[in-house]
Amino acid sequence: RDNMNVGFTFSAKSGRQDGNRSLDGYQTLDLRAGYRCSDKLSVNLALTNILDEDYELAYGYNSPRSQAMLSATFVF
C-alpha cells in the first residue's frame, strides 16, 4: 500500500533590481511528508525554508524564516 508520500521543492533566485534597490539572490528548500494511517486518518508534516535563508521578495519585506507545520485529517 502507498501509505507514505514525500516531496521537496528547491528554489534558487538570482539577484535582481526592485526599483532602484538591489536585492540579493537566495535559495530555499522545503520538505513535506504525509502518512495515511488508515482510511479515515492521515498526518502531514511540512518544513519550509529549512536552509533558514534570510531574503526579501521585495525591498523592505522580509520573507519568513524556517517554519514547521503539522496537520492531521480525520474523515467522519
PDB file of N, CA and C in Angstrom:
ATOM      1  N   ARG A   1       0.841  -1.199   0.000  1.00  0.00           N
ATOM      2  CA  ARG A   1       0.000   0.000   0.000  1.00  0.00           C
ATOM      3  C   ARG A   1       0.874   1.245   0.000  1.00  0.00           C
ATOM      4  N   ASP A   2       0.391   2.245  -0.671  1.00  0.00           N
ATOM      5  CA  ASP A   2       1.116   3.516  -0.723  1.00  0.00           C
ATOM      6  C   ASP A   2       0.622   4.426   0.390  1.00  0.00           C
ATOM      7  N   ASN A   3       1.106   4.179   1.596  1.00  0.00           N
ATOM      8  CA  ASN A   3       0.643   4.955   2.745  1.00  0.00           C
ATOM      9  C   ASN A   3       1.454   6.218   2.974  1.00  0.00           C
ATOM     10  N   MET A   4       2.633   6.320   2.373  1.00  0.00           N
ATOM     11  CA  MET A   4       3.507   7.452   2.655  1.00  0.00           C
ATOM     12  C   MET A   4       3.830   8.202   1.370  1.00  0.00           C
ATOM     13  N   ASN A   5       3.916   9.528   1.485  1.00  0.00           N
ATOM     14  CA  ASN A   5       4.386  10.347   0.371  1.00  0.00           C
ATOM     15  C   ASN A   5       5.392  11.352   0.901  1.00  0.00           C
ATOM     16  N   VAL A   6       6.390  11.632   0.100  1.00  0.00           N
ATOM     17  CA  VAL A   6       7.468  12.544   0.478  1.00  0.00           C
ATOM     18  C   VAL A   6       7.797  13.400  -0.734  1.00  0.00           C
ATOM     19  N   GLY A   7       8.111  14.659  -0.500  1.00  0.00           N
ATOM     20  CA  GLY A   7       8.485  15.527  -1.604  1.00  0.00           C
ATOM     21  C   GLY A   7       9.305  16.709  -1.123  1.00  0.00           C
ATOM     22  N   PHE A   8       9.877  17.417  -2.077  1.00  0.00           N
ATOM     23  CA  PHE A   8      10.643  18.609  -1.740  1.00  0.00           C
ATOM     24  C   PHE A   8      10.531  19.622  -2.872  1.00  0.00           C
ATOM     25  N   THR A   9      10.821  20.879  -2.536  1.00  0.00           N
ATOM     26  CA  THR A   9      10.896  21.953  -3.517  1.00  0.00           C
ATOM     27  C   THR A   9      12.168  22.740  -3.247  1.00  0.00           C
ATOM     28  N   PHE A  10      13.012  22.863  -4.253  1.00  0.00           N
ATOM     29  CA  PHE A  10      14.209  23.695  -4.160  1.00  0.00           C
ATOM     30  C   PHE A  10      14.024  24.862  -5.114  1.00  0.00           C
ATOM     31  N   SER A  11      14.284  26.060  -4.629  1.00  0.00           N
ATOM     32  CA  SER A  11      14.130  27.255  -5.449  1.00  0.00           C
ATOM     33  C   SER A  11      15.400  28.095  -5.340  1.00  0.00           C
ATOM     34  N   ALA A  12      15.913  28.546  -6.462  1.00  0.00           N
ATOM     35  CA  ALA A  12      17.091  29.417  -6.487  1.00  0.00           C
ATOM     36  C   ALA A  12      16.765  30.639  -7.343  1.00  0.00           C
ATOM     37  N   LYS A  13      16.972  31.801  -6.774  1.00  0.00           N
ATOM     38  CA  LYS A  13      16.701  33.053  -7.482  1.00  0.00           C
ATOM     39  C   LYS A  13      17.977  33.886  -7.513  1.00  0.00           C
ATOM     40  N   SER A  14      18.265  34.482  -8.645  1.00  0.00           N
ATOM     41  CA  SER A  14      19.444  35.336  -8.759  1.00  0.00           C
ATOM     42  C   SER A  14      19.129  36.726  -8.215  1.00  0.00           C
ATOM     43  N   GLY A  15      20.170  37.520  -7.999  1.00  0.00           N
ATOM     44  CA  GLY A  15      19.978  38.894  -7.571  1.00  0.00           C
ATOM     45  C   GLY A  15      19.182  39.659  -8.619  1.00  0.00           C
ATOM     46  N   ARG A  16      18.483  40.698  -8.191  1.00  0.00           N
ATOM     47  CA  ARG A  16      17.633  41.443  -9.112  1.00  0.00           C
ATOM     48  C   ARG A  16      17.410  42.859  -8.592  1.00  0.00           C
ATOM     49  N   GLN A  17      16.837  43.679  -9.416  1.00  0.00           N
ATOM     50  CA  GLN A  17      16.517  45.059  -9.055  1.00  0.00           C
ATOM     51  C   GLN A  17      15.050  45.160  -8.644  1.00  0.00           C
ATOM     52  N   ASP A  18      14.783  45.952  -7.618  1.00  0.00           N
ATOM     53  CA  ASP A  18      13.424  46.305  -7.212  1.00  0.00           C
ATOM     54  C   ASP A  18      13.379  47.830  -7.215  1.00  0.00           C
ATOM     55  N   GLY A  19      12.961  48.386  -8.330  1.00  0.00           N
ATOM     56  CA  GLY A  19      13.055  49.835  -8.487  1.00  0.00           C
ATOM     57  C   GLY A  19      14.527  50.210  -8.579  1.00  0.00           C
ATOM     58  N   ASN A  20      14.982  51.101  -7.697  1.00  0.00           N
ATOM     59  CA  ASN A  20      16.398  51.481  -7.700  1.00  0.00           C
ATOM     60  C   ASN A  20      17.190  50.738  -6.625  1.00  0.00           C
ATOM     61  N   ARG A  21      16.613  49.705  -6.041  1.00  0.00           N
ATOM     62  CA  ARG A  21      17.270  48.902  -4.994  1.00  0.00           C
ATOM     63  C   ARG A  21      17.703  47.550  -5.543  1.00  0.00           C
ATOM     64  N   SER A  22      18.857  47.091  -5.093  1.00  0.00           N
ATOM     65  CA  SER A  22      19.344  45.758  -5.468  1.00  0.00           C
ATOM     66  C   SER A  22      18.957  44.757  -4.391  1.00  0.00           C
ATOM     67  N   LEU A  23      18.416  43.627  -4.817  1.00  0.00           N
ATOM     68  CA  LEU A  23      18.079  42.538  -3.898  1.00  0.00           C
ATOM     69  C   LEU A  23      19.017  41.373  -4.179  1.00  0.00           C
ATOM     70  N   ASP A  24      19.502  40.741  -3.113  1.00  0.00           N
ATOM     71  CA  ASP A  24      20.407  39.606  -3.245  1.00  0.00           C
ATOM     72  C   ASP A  24      19.669  38.372  -3.742  1.00  0.00           C
ATOM     73  N   GLY A  25      20.419  37.469  -4.353  1.00  0.00           N
ATOM     74  CA  GLY A  25      19.869  36.172  -4.721  1.00  0.00           C
ATOM     75  C   GLY A  25      19.689  35.317  -3.470  1.00  0.00           C
ATOM     76  N   TYR A  26      18.946  34.231  -3.615  1.00  0.00           N
ATOM     77  CA  TYR A  26      18.708  33.350  -2.469  1.00  0.00           C
ATOM     78  C   TYR A  26      18.298  31.965  -2.947  1.00  0.00           C
ATOM     79  N   GLN A  27      18.377  31.010  -2.031  1.00  0.00           N
ATOM     80  CA  GLN A  27      17.933  29.642  -2.280  1.00  0.00           C
ATOM     81  C   GLN A  27      17.062  29.201  -1.111  1.00  0.00           C
ATOM     82  N   THR A  28      16.001  28.472  -1.404  1.00  0.00           N
ATOM     83  CA  THR A  28      15.163  27.904  -0.348  1.00  0.00           C
ATOM     84  C   THR A  28      14.940  26.422  -0.629  1.00  0.00           C
ATOM     85  N   LEU A  29      14.735  25.683   0.446  1.00  0.00           N
ATOM     86  CA  LEU A  29      14.446  24.259   0.354  1.00  0.00           C
ATOM     87  C   LEU A  29      13.284  23.955   1.285  1.00  0.00           C
ATOM     88  N   ASP A  30      12.235  23.360   0.741  1.00  0.00           N
ATOM     89  CA  ASP A  30      11.055  22.961   1.513  1.00  0.00           C
ATOM     90  C   ASP A  30      10.919  21.444   1.419  1.00  0.00           C
ATOM     91  N   LEU A  31      10.543  20.815   2.525  1.00  0.00           N
ATOM     92  CA  LEU A  31      10.306  19.375   2.557  1.00  0.00           C
ATOM     93  C   LEU A  31       8.894  19.115   3.041  1.00  0.00           C
ATOM     94  N   ARG A  32       8.291  18.046   2.556  1.00  0.00           N
ATOM     95  CA  ARG A  32       6.956  17.674   3.027  1.00  0.00           C
ATOM     96  C   ARG A  32       6.847  16.153   3.038  1.00  0.00           C
ATOM     97  N   ALA A  33       6.059  15.674   3.975  1.00  0.00           N
ATOM     98  CA  ALA A  33       5.823  14.230   4.085  1.00  0.00           C
ATOM     99  C   ALA A  33       4.420  14.016   4.627  1.00  0.00           C
ATOM    100  N   GLY A  34       3.806  12.953   4.187  1.00  0.00           N
ATOM    101  CA  GLY A  34       2.473  12.606   4.661  1.00  0.00           C
ATOM    102  C   GLY A  34       2.374  11.113   4.868  1.00  0.00           C
ATOM    103  N   TYR A  35       1.530  10.732   5.805  1.00  0.00           N
ATOM    104  CA  TYR A  35       1.327   9.319   6.087  1.00  0.00           C
ATOM    105  C   TYR A  35      -0.160   9.062   6.272  1.00  0.00           C
ATOM    106  N   ARG A  36      -0.663   8.097   5.535  1.00  0.00           N
ATOM    107  CA  ARG A  36      -2.068   7.706   5.666  1.00  0.00           C
ATOM    108  C   ARG A  36      -2.123   6.567   6.677  1.00  0.00           C
ATOM    109  N   CYS A  37      -2.576   6.889   7.883  1.00  0.00           N
ATOM    110  CA  CYS A  37      -2.612   5.919   8.979  1.00  0.00           C
ATOM    111  C   CYS A  37      -3.709   4.878   8.781  1.00  0.00           C
ATOM    112  N   SER A  38      -4.828   5.321   8.234  1.00  0.00           N
ATOM    113  CA  SER A  38      -5.974   4.443   7.988  1.00  0.00           C
ATOM    114  C   SER A  38      -6.837   5.085   6.908  1.00  0.00           C
ATOM    115  N   ASP A  39      -7.967   4.466   6.590  1.00  0.00           N
ATOM    116  CA  ASP A  39      -8.882   5.062   5.613  1.00  0.00           C
ATOM    117  C   ASP A  39      -9.449   6.385   6.101  1.00  0.00           C
ATOM    118  N   LYS A  40      -9.405   6.616   7.402  1.00  0.00           N
ATOM    119  CA  LYS A  40     -10.014   7.819   7.971  1.00  0.00           C
ATOM    120  C   LYS A  40      -9.012   8.852   8.474  1.00  0.00           C
ATOM    121  N   LEU A  41      -7.762   8.459   8.698  1.00  0.00           N
ATOM    122  CA  LEU A  41      -6.792   9.365   9.323  1.00  0.00           C
ATOM    123  C   LEU A  41      -5.520   9.484   8.491  1.00  0.00           C
ATOM    124  N   SER A  42      -5.111  10.729   8.250  1.00  0.00           N
ATOM    125  CA  SER A  42      -3.814  10.989   7.620  1.00  0.00           C
ATOM    126  C   SER A  42      -3.120  12.129   8.367  1.00  0.00           C
ATOM    127  N   VAL A  43      -1.795  12.090   8.359  1.00  0.00           N
ATOM    128  CA  VAL A  43      -0.968  13.074   9.056  1.00  0.00           C
ATOM    129  C   VAL A  43       0.040  13.634   8.052  1.00  0.00           C
ATOM    130  N   ASN A  44       0.260  14.949   8.102  1.00  0.00           N
ATOM    131  CA  ASN A  44       1.186  15.607   7.179  1.00  0.00           C
ATOM    132  C   ASN A  44       2.129  16.533   7.935  1.00  0.00           C
ATOM    133  N   LEU A  45       3.363  16.597   7.463  1.00  0.00           N
ATOM    134  CA  LEU A  45       4.370  17.490   8.026  1.00  0.00           C
ATOM    135  C   LEU A  45       4.993  18.271   6.882  1.00  0.00           C
ATOM    136  N   ALA A  46       5.119  19.583   7.054  1.00  0.00           N
ATOM    137  CA  ALA A  46       5.776  20.435   6.061  1.00  0.00           C
ATOM    138  C   ALA A  46       6.827  21.283   6.765  1.00  0.00           C
ATOM    139  N   LEU A  47       8.018  21.299   6.214  1.00  0.00           N
ATOM    140  CA  LEU A  47       9.113  22.131   6.713  1.00  0.00           C
ATOM    141  C   LEU A  47       9.478  23.092   5.593  1.00  0.00           C
ATOM    142  N   THR A  48       9.334  24.385   5.844  1.00  0.00           N
ATOM    143  CA  THR A  48       9.609  25.377   4.805  1.00  0.00           C
ATOM    144  C   THR A  48      10.869  26.164   5.137  1.00  0.00           C
ATOM    145  N   ASN A  49      11.589  26.529   4.099  1.00  0.00           N
ATOM    146  CA  ASN A  49      12.830  27.297   4.216  1.00  0.00           C
ATOM    147  C   ASN A  49      13.778  26.656   5.232  1.00  0.00           C
ATOM    148  N   ILE A  50      14.019  25.357   5.072  1.00  0.00           N
ATOM    149  CA  ILE A  50      14.840  24.659   6.071  1.00  0.00           C
ATOM    150  C   ILE A  50      16.296  25.114   6.053  1.00  0.00           C
ATOM    151  N   LEU A  51      16.719  25.828   5.010  1.00  0.00           N
ATOM    152  CA  LEU A  51      18.061  26.409   4.993  1.00  0.00           C
ATOM    153  C   LEU A  51      18.118  27.692   5.822  1.00  0.00           C
ATOM    154  N   ASP A  52      16.958  28.124   6.340  1.00  0.00           N
ATOM    155  CA  ASP A  52      16.823  29.333   7.157  1.00  0.00           C
ATOM    156  C   ASP A  52      17.379  30.564   6.435  1.00  0.00           C
ATOM    157  N   GLU A  53      17.081  30.641   5.152  1.00  0.00           N
ATOM    158  CA  GLU A  53      17.560  31.744   4.321  1.00  0.00           C
ATOM    159  C   GLU A  53      16.832  33.040   4.691  1.00  0.00           C
ATOM    160  N   ASP A  54      17.593  34.111   4.842  1.00  0.00           N
ATOM    161  CA  ASP A  54      17.045  35.439   5.125  1.00  0.00           C
ATOM    162  C   ASP A  54      17.014  36.196   3.795  1.00  0.00           C
ATOM    163  N   TYR A  55      15.811  36.432   3.252  1.00  0.00           N
ATOM    164  CA  TYR A  55      15.711  37.044   1.927  1.00  0.00           C
ATOM    165  C   TYR A  55      14.476  37.928   1.826  1.00  0.00           C
ATOM    166  N   GLU A  56      14.477  38.760   0.785  1.00  0.00           N
ATOM    167  CA  GLU A  56      13.363  39.668   0.517  1.00  0.00           C
ATOM    168  C   GLU A  56      12.801  39.385  -0.872  1.00  0.00           C
ATOM    169  N   LEU A  57      11.481  39.274  -0.971  1.00  0.00           N
ATOM    170  CA  LEU A  57      10.836  39.180  -2.282  1.00  0.00           C
ATOM    171  C   LEU A  57      10.698  40.562  -2.902  1.00  0.00           C
ATOM    172  N   ALA A  58      10.549  41.571  -2.057  1.00  0.00           N
ATOM    173  CA  ALA A  58      10.503  42.974  -2.462  1.00  0.00           C
ATOM    174  C   ALA A  58      11.253  43.764  -1.394  1.00  0.00           C
ATOM    175  N   TYR A  59      11.840  44.885  -1.762  1.00  0.00           N
ATOM    176  CA  TYR A  59      12.638  45.663  -0.826  1.00  0.00           C
ATOM    177  C   TYR A  59      11.825  46.014   0.424  1.00  0.00           C
ATOM    178  N   GLY A  60      12.394  45.694   1.592  1.00  0.00           N
ATOM    179  CA  GLY A  60      11.761  46.020   2.864  1.00  0.00           C
ATOM    180  C   GLY A  60      10.763  44.995   3.364  1.00  0.00           C
ATOM    181  N   TYR A  61      10.524  43.921   2.621  1.00  0.00           N
ATOM    182  CA  TYR A  61       9.554  42.897   3.012  1.00  0.00           C
ATOM    183  C   TYR A  61      10.266  41.553   3.156  1.00  0.00           C
ATOM    184  N   ASN A  62      10.735  41.280   4.366  1.00  0.00           N
ATOM    185  CA  ASN A  62      11.430  40.019   4.622  1.00  0.00           C
ATOM    186  C   ASN A  62      10.461  38.850   4.545  1.00  0.00           C
ATOM    187  N   SER A  63      10.951  37.744   4.045  1.00  0.00           N
ATOM    188  CA  SER A  63      10.156  36.515   3.973  1.00  0.00           C
ATOM    189  C   SER A  63      10.346  35.716   5.255  1.00  0.00           C
ATOM    190  N   PRO A  64       9.405  34.812   5.564  1.00  0.00           N
ATOM    191  CA  PRO A  64       9.510  34.028   6.794  1.00  0.00           C
ATOM    192  C   PRO A  64      10.762  33.162   6.805  1.00  0.00           C
ATOM    193  N   ARG A  65      11.329  32.995   7.994  1.00  0.00           N
ATOM    194  CA  ARG A  65      12.465  32.088   8.165  1.00  0.00           C
ATOM    195  C   ARG A  65      11.915  30.667   8.221  1.00  0.00           C
ATOM    196  N   SER A  66      12.662  29.726   8.763  1.00  0.00           N
ATOM    197  CA  SER A  66      12.227  28.321   8.821  1.00  0.00           C
ATOM    198  C   SER A  66      10.912  28.182   9.580  1.00  0.00           C
ATOM    199  N   GLN A  67      10.055  27.311   9.066  1.00  0.00           N
ATOM    200  CA  GLN A  67       8.775  27.034   9.712  1.00  0.00           C
ATOM    201  C   GLN A  67       8.480  25.546   9.627  1.00  0.00           C
ATOM    202  N   ALA A  68       7.715  25.060  10.599  1.00  0.00           N
ATOM    203  CA  ALA A  68       7.246  23.671  10.587  1.00  0.00           C
ATOM    204  C   ALA A  68       5.737  23.688  10.784  1.00  0.00           C
ATOM    205  N   MET A  69       5.042  22.871   9.992  1.00  0.00           N
ATOM    206  CA  MET A  69       3.587  22.774  10.101  1.00  0.00           C
ATOM    207  C   MET A  69       3.195  21.304  10.146  1.00  0.00           C
ATOM    208  N   LEU A  70       2.424  20.954  11.139  1.00  0.00           N
ATOM    209  CA  LEU A  70       1.936  19.590  11.298  1.00  0.00           C
ATOM    210  C   LEU A  70       0.420  19.629  11.214  1.00  0.00           C
ATOM    211  N   SER A  71      -0.157  18.734  10.420  1.00  0.00           N
ATOM    212  CA  SER A  71      -1.614  18.697  10.303  1.00  0.00           C
ATOM    213  C   SER A  71      -2.093  17.255  10.305  1.00  0.00           C
ATOM    214  N   ALA A  72      -3.325  17.099  10.691  1.00  0.00           N
ATOM    215  CA  ALA A  72      -3.970  15.786  10.665  1.00  0.00           C
ATOM    216  C   ALA A  72      -5.363  15.965  10.075  1.00  0.00           C
ATOM    217  N   THR A  73      -5.778  14.983   9.300  1.00  0.00           N
ATOM    218  CA  THR A  73      -7.110  14.987   8.707  1.00  0.00           C
ATOM    219  C   THR A  73      -7.822  13.713   9.118  1.00  0.00           C
ATOM    220  N   PHE A  74      -9.002  13.890   9.685  1.00  0.00           N
ATOM    221  CA  PHE A  74      -9.826  12.751  10.072  1.00  0.00           C
ATOM    222  C   PHE A  74     -11.156  12.863   9.345  1.00  0.00           C
ATOM    223  N   VAL A  75     -11.528  11.822   8.627  1.00  0.00           N
ATOM    224  CA  VAL A  75     -12.780  11.798   7.875  1.00  0.00           C
ATOM    225  C   VAL A  75     -13.810  11.031   8.689  1.00  0.00           C
ATOM    226  N   PHE A  76     -14.940  11.675   8.963  1.00  0.00           N
ATOM    227  CA  PHE A  76     -16.001  11.033   9.753  1.00  0.00           C
ATOM    228  C   PHE A  76     -16.832  10.117   8.896  1.00  0.00           C
TER     229      PHE A  76
END
